[in-house]
Amino acid sequence: MNILDRYIIKRFLVAFVYVVLIVVLILVVIDFTEKSDDFIKANVPFSQVFAEYYFNYIPYIANMFSPISIFIATVFVTARMATHTEIIAILSSGVSLRRILFPYFLGSAFVGIIIFFLIGWVIPNANKVRIAFENEHLIRNDDFHGSDLHLKIAPTTYGYLKSYNGTVNVGTQFTLETIEGKELKSKLKATKITWQPEKSKWLIEDYSIRFIDKGKEKIIRGISKDTAINFTPNDFATTYMLHETFTLPELNNYIEELKEKGAENIEMYLTEKYERYTYPLAIIILTMIGVICSARKSREGTGVQIAFGFLLAVIFILLVLISQSFSNVGSMGPLMASLLPNIIFTFIGLIMYKTVPK
């Protein structure tokens, strides 16, 4: 790196930090204004609100709006350089626009690596505390209670509960069927099923197990029995923001667990996984576009260019949200949903690059 590279990287990173701080401050104030009544009603001390909620909310919200922050910082720094004719002077000295992009690339890659570490490990652990706080004091989810529950426990194993009480973890009229192809291989029926946390097993009561093999049947009956079944009370717990509480290794393990059970609602978790890999790439792409759209000196000043950059960043976030929705309903593959905003903005950047004086 030469002096010019260090000069641009320093200004770029300092601007990014300032923008992040301003965005976070504004959003925290707005969030506190909206939730202050809920905190008072829940009778939660401010020290607990800060330690368990806002201390963990700040990195979450900073990461969420990092595309906007990086874009605004890039446009602000580059537009000011263009306004002060620094860009023109650099280009006149024989330095190409492609070479000017290099320090921005290094700076955004550095930010992207940090963000990957944050969204892979740090923020999920912070979300565990924050979301637990929300569930307890803000959302107030009650223990799960349901009836006529159908479960897919494994690719060929299906369960059914007439009713389930999440307070005591007891289910009634439980059946467990193993079906291979179109043939019923076994069927367990129990009047009552109770979770035993000390054993991590279910206690089935007044049960019968029917085995079918080549047309022959065998029935076993009993009063009570401890048995390991591939589901726990956690499968009935709230899934509110669950995908955001997993570190990257935990997310991979959970996806494999869902696949082993034959679960059909894994698109959300796959999308979350792929987005954690593509998010840092988006930071680099948006930085490059920010340079390109603000490198030209404008008569309207930096304000218009910052507003334009902000608009593009908002459009990017909307594309991310839309692609997530398509993925969650099965209209688009999770990998494509994660890559689509980056692909679209890469083409936008290439088109804009062709129009900028070099």
Protein backbone atom coordinates (compact mmCIF):
# COMPACT_ATOMS: atom_id res chain seq x y z
CA MET A 1 0.00 0.00 0.00
CA ASN A 2 1.17 3.52 -0.76
CA ILE A 3 0.30 6.81 0.91
CA LEU A 4 -2.87 7.22 -1.18
CA ASP A 5 -4.13 3.77 -0.16
CA ARG A 6 -3.57 4.47 3.53
CA TYR A 7 -5.21 7.89 3.20
CA ILE A 8 -8.38 6.49 1.59
CA ILE A 9 -8.62 3.44 3.88
CA LYS A 10 -8.26 5.57 7.00
CA ARG A 11 -10.94 8.05 5.92
CA PHE A 12 -13.21 5.23 4.76
CA LEU A 13 -13.01 3.20 7.99
CA VAL A 14 -13.34 6.27 10.23
CA ALA A 15 -16.43 7.39 8.28
CA PHE A 16 -17.90 3.89 8.51
CA VAL A 17 -17.47 3.79 12.30
CA TYR A 18 -19.07 7.24 12.67
CA VAL A 19 -22.02 6.28 10.47
CA VAL A 20 -22.54 3.04 12.40
CA LEU A 21 -22.51 4.92 15.71
CA ILE A 22 -25.01 7.49 14.45
CA VAL A 23 -27.34 4.85 12.96
CA VAL A 24 -27.18 2.72 16.11
CA LEU A 25 -27.81 5.71 18.37
CA ILE A 26 -30.89 6.77 16.36
CA LEU A 27 -32.32 3.24 16.24
CA VAL A 28 -31.69 2.58 19.95
CA VAL A 29 -33.50 5.81 20.86
CA ILE A 30 -36.44 4.86 18.61
CA ASP A 31 -36.54 1.33 20.02
CA PHE A 32 -36.41 2.55 23.62
CA THR A 33 -39.21 5.03 22.93
CA GLU A 34 -41.39 2.25 21.55
CA LYS A 35 -40.62 -0.28 24.29
CA SER A 36 -40.28 1.92 27.38
CA ASP A 37 -43.90 1.27 28.41
CA ASP A 38 -43.35 -2.48 28.02
CA PHE A 39 -40.25 -2.31 30.22
CA ILE A 40 -42.23 -0.44 32.88
CA LYS A 41 -45.15 -2.88 32.72
CA ALA A 42 -42.76 -5.81 33.02
CA ASN A 43 -41.13 -4.10 36.04
CA VAL A 44 -37.65 -4.76 34.69
CA PRO A 45 -34.77 -2.73 36.22
CA PHE A 46 -32.95 -0.49 33.77
CA SER A 47 -29.67 -2.23 34.58
CA GLN A 48 -31.19 -5.52 33.40
CA VAL A 49 -32.70 -3.87 30.32
CA PHE A 50 -29.29 -2.55 29.33
CA ALA A 51 -27.27 -5.66 30.25
CA GLU A 52 -29.58 -8.28 28.72
CA TYR A 53 -31.32 -6.38 25.95
CA TYR A 54 -29.56 -3.26 24.64
CA PHE A 55 -26.03 -4.53 25.20
CA ASN A 56 -26.91 -7.42 22.86
CA TYR A 57 -29.27 -5.39 20.64
CA ILE A 58 -26.56 -2.91 19.58
CA PRO A 59 -24.34 -5.39 17.66
CA TYR A 60 -27.46 -6.98 16.14
CA ILE A 61 -28.83 -3.70 14.80
CA ALA A 62 -25.38 -2.46 13.75
CA ASN A 63 -24.94 -5.57 11.61
CA MET A 64 -28.47 -5.38 10.18
CA PHE A 65 -27.88 -1.86 8.87
CA SER A 66 -24.25 -2.37 7.91
CA PRO A 67 -25.10 -2.28 4.14
CA ILE A 68 -26.63 1.17 4.59
CA SER A 69 -23.77 2.28 6.85
CA ILE A 70 -21.03 1.09 4.49
CA PHE A 71 -22.76 2.67 1.51
CA ILE A 72 -23.25 6.04 3.19
CA ALA A 73 -19.67 6.05 4.45
CA THR A 74 -18.33 5.22 0.99
CA VAL A 75 -20.43 7.84 -0.77
CA PHE A 76 -19.62 10.49 1.85
CA VAL A 77 -15.85 9.99 1.64
CA THR A 78 -15.71 9.67 -2.15
CA ALA A 79 -18.13 12.53 -2.84
CA ARG A 80 -16.11 14.86 -0.59
CA MET A 81 -12.94 13.86 -2.42
CA ALA A 82 -14.68 14.54 -5.74
CA THR A 83 -16.01 17.91 -4.52
CA HIS A 84 -12.51 18.95 -3.44
CA THR A 85 -11.24 17.82 -6.89
CA GLU A 86 -9.06 15.18 -5.24
CA ILE A 87 -10.45 12.48 -7.53
CA ILE A 88 -9.70 14.60 -10.59
CA ALA A 89 -6.17 15.24 -9.38
CA ILE A 90 -5.58 11.54 -8.77
CA LEU A 91 -6.92 10.59 -12.20
CA SER A 92 -4.85 13.37 -13.84
CA SER A 93 -1.70 11.93 -12.29
CA GLY A 94 -2.22 8.74 -14.27
CA VAL A 95 -3.95 6.67 -11.58
CA SER A 96 -6.92 4.77 -13.01
CA LEU A 97 -10.33 4.51 -11.39
CA ARG A 98 -9.71 0.78 -11.04
CA ARG A 99 -6.62 1.57 -8.95
CA ILE A 100 -8.63 4.02 -6.82
CA LEU A 101 -11.08 1.19 -6.08
CA PHE A 102 -8.28 -0.93 -4.62
CA PRO A 103 -8.05 0.74 -1.15
CA TYR A 104 -11.85 0.68 -0.90
CA PHE A 105 -11.73 -3.02 -1.68
CA LEU A 106 -9.17 -3.62 1.07
CA GLY A 107 -11.17 -1.59 3.58
CA SER A 108 -14.49 -3.28 2.73
CA ALA A 109 -12.85 -6.73 2.76
CA PHE A 110 -11.53 -5.98 6.26
CA VAL A 111 -15.03 -4.94 7.36
CA GLY A 112 -16.51 -8.01 5.66
CA ILE A 113 -14.18 -10.38 7.53
CA ILE A 114 -15.12 -8.77 10.85
CA ILE A 115 -18.82 -8.98 9.98
CA PHE A 116 -18.48 -12.66 9.04
CA PHE A 117 -16.95 -13.38 12.45
CA LEU A 118 -19.69 -11.35 14.16
CA ILE A 119 -22.64 -12.97 12.38
CA GLY A 120 -21.10 -16.42 12.65
CA TRP A 121 -20.34 -16.47 16.35
CA VAL A 122 -20.63 -13.21 18.32
CA ILE A 123 -24.09 -11.92 17.36
CA PRO A 124 -25.84 -15.34 17.65
CA ASN A 125 -24.57 -15.69 21.23
CA ALA A 126 -25.74 -12.15 21.94
CA ASN A 127 -29.11 -12.98 20.37
CA LYS A 128 -29.55 -15.90 22.76
CA VAL A 129 -29.64 -13.47 25.67
CA ARG A 130 -31.61 -10.75 23.87
CA ILE A 131 -34.31 -13.04 22.48
CA ALA A 132 -34.65 -14.85 25.82
CA PHE A 133 -35.24 -11.43 27.38
CA GLU A 134 -37.86 -10.58 24.75
CA ASN A 135 -39.64 -13.91 25.24
CA GLU A 136 -39.75 -13.44 28.99
CA HIS A 137 -40.58 -9.75 29.34
CA LEU A 138 -41.90 -8.44 26.01
CA ILE A 139 -43.50 -11.23 23.99
CA ARG A 140 -44.48 -13.34 27.01
CA ASN A 141 -44.89 -16.65 25.23
CA ASP A 142 -46.83 -19.12 27.34
CA ASP A 143 -46.00 -22.80 27.48
CA PHE A 144 -47.18 -24.57 24.37
CA HIS A 145 -50.58 -26.24 24.48
CA GLY A 146 -52.06 -27.94 21.43
CA SER A 147 -54.29 -30.66 20.08
CA ASP A 148 -54.31 -32.97 17.07
CA LEU A 149 -50.56 -32.60 16.56
CA HIS A 150 -48.86 -34.43 13.70
CA LEU A 151 -45.08 -34.90 13.83
CA LYS A 152 -42.61 -36.19 11.29
CA ILE A 153 -39.96 -37.67 13.56
CA ALA A 154 -37.84 -39.41 10.92
CA PRO A 155 -38.10 -39.97 7.15
CA THR A 156 -40.30 -43.06 7.69
CA THR A 157 -41.60 -42.39 11.22
CA TYR A 158 -44.66 -40.32 12.03
CA GLY A 159 -46.14 -39.34 15.38
CA TYR A 160 -49.52 -38.05 16.53
CA LEU A 161 -50.73 -36.50 19.79
CA LYS A 162 -54.37 -35.96 20.61
CA SER A 163 -53.33 -33.20 23.01
CA TYR A 164 -50.17 -31.80 24.59
CA ASN A 165 -49.68 -29.73 27.75
CA GLY A 166 -46.40 -27.80 27.65
CA THR A 167 -46.58 -26.79 31.31
CA VAL A 168 -46.10 -30.35 32.55
CA ASN A 169 -44.85 -31.83 29.24
CA VAL A 170 -47.58 -34.46 29.04
CA GLY A 171 -49.32 -35.73 25.92
CA THR A 172 -52.37 -37.95 25.49
CA GLN A 173 -53.40 -40.56 22.91
CA PHE A 174 -49.95 -40.85 21.38
CA THR A 175 -49.25 -42.95 18.30
CA LEU A 176 -45.97 -43.63 16.52
CA GLU A 177 -46.01 -45.27 13.09
CA THR A 178 -43.18 -46.54 10.92
CA ILE A 179 -44.16 -46.66 7.26
CA GLU A 180 -41.86 -47.89 4.52
CA GLY A 181 -43.23 -47.20 1.08
CA LYS A 182 -46.91 -47.98 1.45
CA GLU A 183 -46.50 -50.64 4.12
CA LEU A 184 -47.05 -50.14 7.84
CA LYS A 185 -44.14 -51.82 9.65
CA SER A 186 -44.93 -50.93 13.27
CA LYS A 187 -47.35 -48.87 15.32
CA LEU A 188 -47.04 -47.80 18.93
CA LYS A 189 -50.12 -46.57 20.81
CA ALA A 190 -50.01 -45.07 24.31
CA THR A 191 -52.73 -43.47 26.40
CA LYS A 192 -50.28 -41.06 27.98
CA ILE A 193 -46.73 -39.88 27.30
CA THR A 194 -44.66 -37.87 29.82
CA TRP A 195 -41.24 -36.26 29.40
CA GLN A 196 -38.65 -37.17 32.06
CA PRO A 197 -35.93 -34.51 32.02
CA GLU A 198 -33.66 -36.39 34.42
CA LYS A 199 -33.52 -39.34 31.98
CA SER A 200 -34.06 -37.39 28.76
CA LYS A 201 -36.63 -40.01 27.80
CA TRP A 202 -40.38 -40.32 27.44
CA LEU A 203 -42.49 -42.43 29.80
CA ILE A 204 -45.25 -44.13 27.84
CA GLU A 205 -48.21 -45.52 29.78
CA ASP A 206 -50.87 -48.08 28.90
CA TYR A 207 -49.15 -48.86 25.62
CA SER A 208 -49.24 -51.43 22.86
CA ILE A 209 -46.73 -51.98 20.06
CA ARG A 210 -47.82 -53.73 16.89
CA PHE A 211 -45.14 -55.17 14.58
CA ILE A 212 -45.95 -56.30 11.02
CA ASP A 213 -43.48 -58.37 9.01
CA LYS A 214 -44.40 -60.21 5.81
CA GLY A 215 -48.06 -60.37 6.74
CA LYS A 216 -47.40 -61.63 10.26
CA GLU A 217 -48.30 -59.52 13.26
CA LYS A 218 -46.90 -59.35 16.77
CA ILE A 219 -48.38 -57.23 19.55
CA ILE A 220 -46.62 -56.25 22.78
CA ARG A 221 -48.59 -54.60 25.59
CA GLY A 222 -47.44 -52.95 28.81
CA ILE A 223 -48.36 -50.62 31.64
CA SER A 224 -45.40 -48.21 31.48
CA LYS A 225 -42.01 -48.00 29.85
CA ASP A 226 -39.18 -45.53 29.40
CA THR A 227 -38.38 -45.03 25.74
CA ALA A 228 -36.18 -42.78 23.62
CA ILE A 229 -38.14 -41.10 20.82
CA ASN A 230 -36.51 -38.68 18.39
CA PHE A 231 -38.27 -35.55 19.65
CA THR A 232 -38.27 -33.54 22.87
CA PRO A 233 -40.41 -30.78 24.45
CA ASN A 234 -38.07 -28.30 22.76
CA ASP A 235 -39.73 -29.25 19.47
CA PHE A 236 -42.91 -27.63 20.82
CA ALA A 237 -41.15 -24.54 22.14
CA THR A 238 -41.38 -21.18 20.41
CA THR A 239 -39.24 -20.80 17.29
CA TYR A 240 -39.30 -16.99 17.50
CA MET A 241 -36.02 -15.82 15.88
CA LEU A 242 -34.56 -19.25 16.59
CA HIS A 243 -32.42 -19.22 13.43
CA GLU A 244 -30.66 -16.06 14.62
CA THR A 245 -29.57 -17.62 17.92
CA PHE A 246 -27.41 -20.33 16.33
CA THR A 247 -23.70 -19.89 15.79
CA LEU A 248 -22.54 -21.16 12.40
CA PRO A 249 -21.55 -24.63 13.70
CA GLU A 250 -24.80 -24.86 15.70
CA LEU A 251 -26.80 -23.85 12.63
CA ASN A 252 -25.14 -26.55 10.51
CA ASN A 253 -25.83 -29.18 13.18
CA TYR A 254 -29.47 -28.09 13.51
CA ILE A 255 -29.99 -28.28 9.74
CA GLU A 256 -28.56 -31.81 9.70
CA GLU A 257 -30.84 -32.74 12.61
CA LEU A 258 -33.88 -31.44 10.72
CA LYS A 259 -32.85 -33.37 7.62
CA GLU A 260 -32.49 -36.58 9.64
CA LYS A 261 -36.01 -36.08 10.98
CA GLY A 262 -37.30 -35.49 7.48
CA ALA A 263 -38.53 -32.01 8.40
CA GLU A 264 -39.88 -29.93 5.57
CA ASN A 265 -39.46 -26.41 7.01
CA ILE A 266 -35.69 -26.05 6.75
CA GLU A 267 -35.61 -23.34 4.06
CA MET A 268 -35.43 -20.57 6.68
CA TYR A 269 -32.35 -22.13 8.26
CA LEU A 270 -30.66 -22.83 4.92
CA THR A 271 -31.28 -19.24 3.83
CA GLU A 272 -29.81 -18.00 7.12
CA LYS A 273 -26.74 -20.18 6.59
CA TYR A 274 -26.08 -19.05 3.02
CA GLU A 275 -26.69 -15.39 3.85
CA ARG A 276 -23.98 -15.51 6.50
CA TYR A 277 -21.53 -16.42 3.76
CA THR A 278 -22.83 -13.95 1.16
CA TYR A 279 -23.32 -10.98 3.51
CA PRO A 280 -19.62 -10.02 3.62
CA LEU A 281 -19.55 -10.20 -0.18
CA ALA A 282 -22.45 -7.74 -0.26
CA ILE A 283 -20.40 -5.31 1.82
CA ILE A 284 -17.66 -5.33 -0.84
CA ILE A 285 -20.11 -4.99 -3.74
CA LEU A 286 -21.96 -2.07 -2.14
CA THR A 287 -18.67 -0.33 -1.39
CA MET A 288 -17.58 -0.58 -5.02
CA ILE A 289 -20.93 0.77 -6.21
CA GLY A 290 -20.70 3.58 -3.66
CA VAL A 291 -17.36 4.68 -5.09
CA ILE A 292 -18.59 4.50 -8.66
CA CYS A 293 -21.78 6.49 -8.05
CA SER A 294 -19.98 9.29 -6.15
CA ALA A 295 -16.62 9.56 -7.92
CA ARG A 296 -17.98 12.11 -10.37
CA LYS A 297 -18.10 15.72 -9.15
CA SER A 298 -21.68 16.93 -8.81
CA ARG A 299 -23.01 20.49 -8.89
CA GLU A 300 -25.68 19.54 -6.34
CA GLY A 301 -22.99 18.65 -3.78
CA THR A 302 -22.50 15.58 -1.63
CA GLY A 303 -26.03 15.67 -0.18
CA VAL A 304 -27.67 14.40 -3.37
CA GLN A 305 -25.05 11.68 -3.79
CA ILE A 306 -25.47 10.53 -0.18
CA ALA A 307 -29.24 10.44 -0.67
CA PHE A 308 -28.79 8.40 -3.85
CA GLY A 309 -26.45 6.02 -2.04
CA PHE A 310 -28.93 5.66 0.79
CA LEU A 311 -31.68 4.86 -1.72
CA LEU A 312 -29.58 2.14 -3.37
CA ALA A 313 -28.75 0.61 0.03
CA VAL A 314 -32.43 0.55 0.98
CA ILE A 315 -33.26 -1.13 -2.34
CA PHE A 316 -30.60 -3.74 -1.58
CA ILE A 317 -32.13 -4.49 1.85
CA LEU A 318 -35.60 -4.74 0.26
CA LEU A 319 -34.22 -7.24 -2.28
CA VAL A 320 -32.77 -9.29 0.59
CA LEU A 321 -36.12 -9.32 2.41
CA ILE A 322 -38.07 -10.20 -0.75
CA SER A 323 -35.70 -13.03 -1.65
CA GLN A 324 -35.95 -14.35 1.94
CA SER A 325 -39.74 -14.41 1.64
CA PHE A 326 -39.58 -16.29 -1.66
CA SER A 327 -37.17 -18.81 -0.12
CA ASN A 328 -39.28 -19.36 3.01
CA VAL A 329 -42.39 -20.18 0.96
CA GLY A 330 -40.44 -22.47 -1.35
CA SER A 331 -40.70 -20.28 -4.48
CA MET A 332 -36.91 -19.92 -4.69
CA GLY A 333 -34.00 -22.05 -3.55
CA PRO A 334 -32.23 -20.82 -0.39
CA LEU A 335 -28.86 -20.51 -2.14
CA MET A 336 -30.29 -18.52 -5.04
CA ALA A 337 -32.27 -16.34 -2.63
CA SER A 338 -29.05 -15.50 -0.81
CA LEU A 339 -27.09 -14.78 -3.98
CA LEU A 340 -29.76 -12.91 -5.96
CA PRO A 341 -29.32 -9.43 -4.37
CA ASN A 342 -25.54 -9.69 -4.84
CA ILE A 343 -25.93 -10.80 -8.47
CA ILE A 344 -28.33 -7.95 -9.29
CA PHE A 345 -26.14 -5.32 -7.65
CA THR A 346 -23.03 -6.70 -9.29
CA PHE A 347 -24.63 -6.07 -12.69
CA ILE A 348 -25.73 -2.61 -11.53
CA GLY A 349 -22.16 -1.85 -10.47
CA LEU A 350 -20.71 -3.03 -13.80
CA ILE A 351 -23.16 -0.90 -15.76
CA MET A 352 -22.39 2.16 -13.62
CA TYR A 353 -18.65 1.51 -13.96
CA LYS A 354 -18.94 1.81 -17.75
CA THR A 355 -20.45 5.31 -17.44
CA VAL A 356 -17.89 6.84 -15.05
CA PRO A 357 -15.01 8.90 -16.51
CA LYS A 358 -11.73 7.01 -16.02
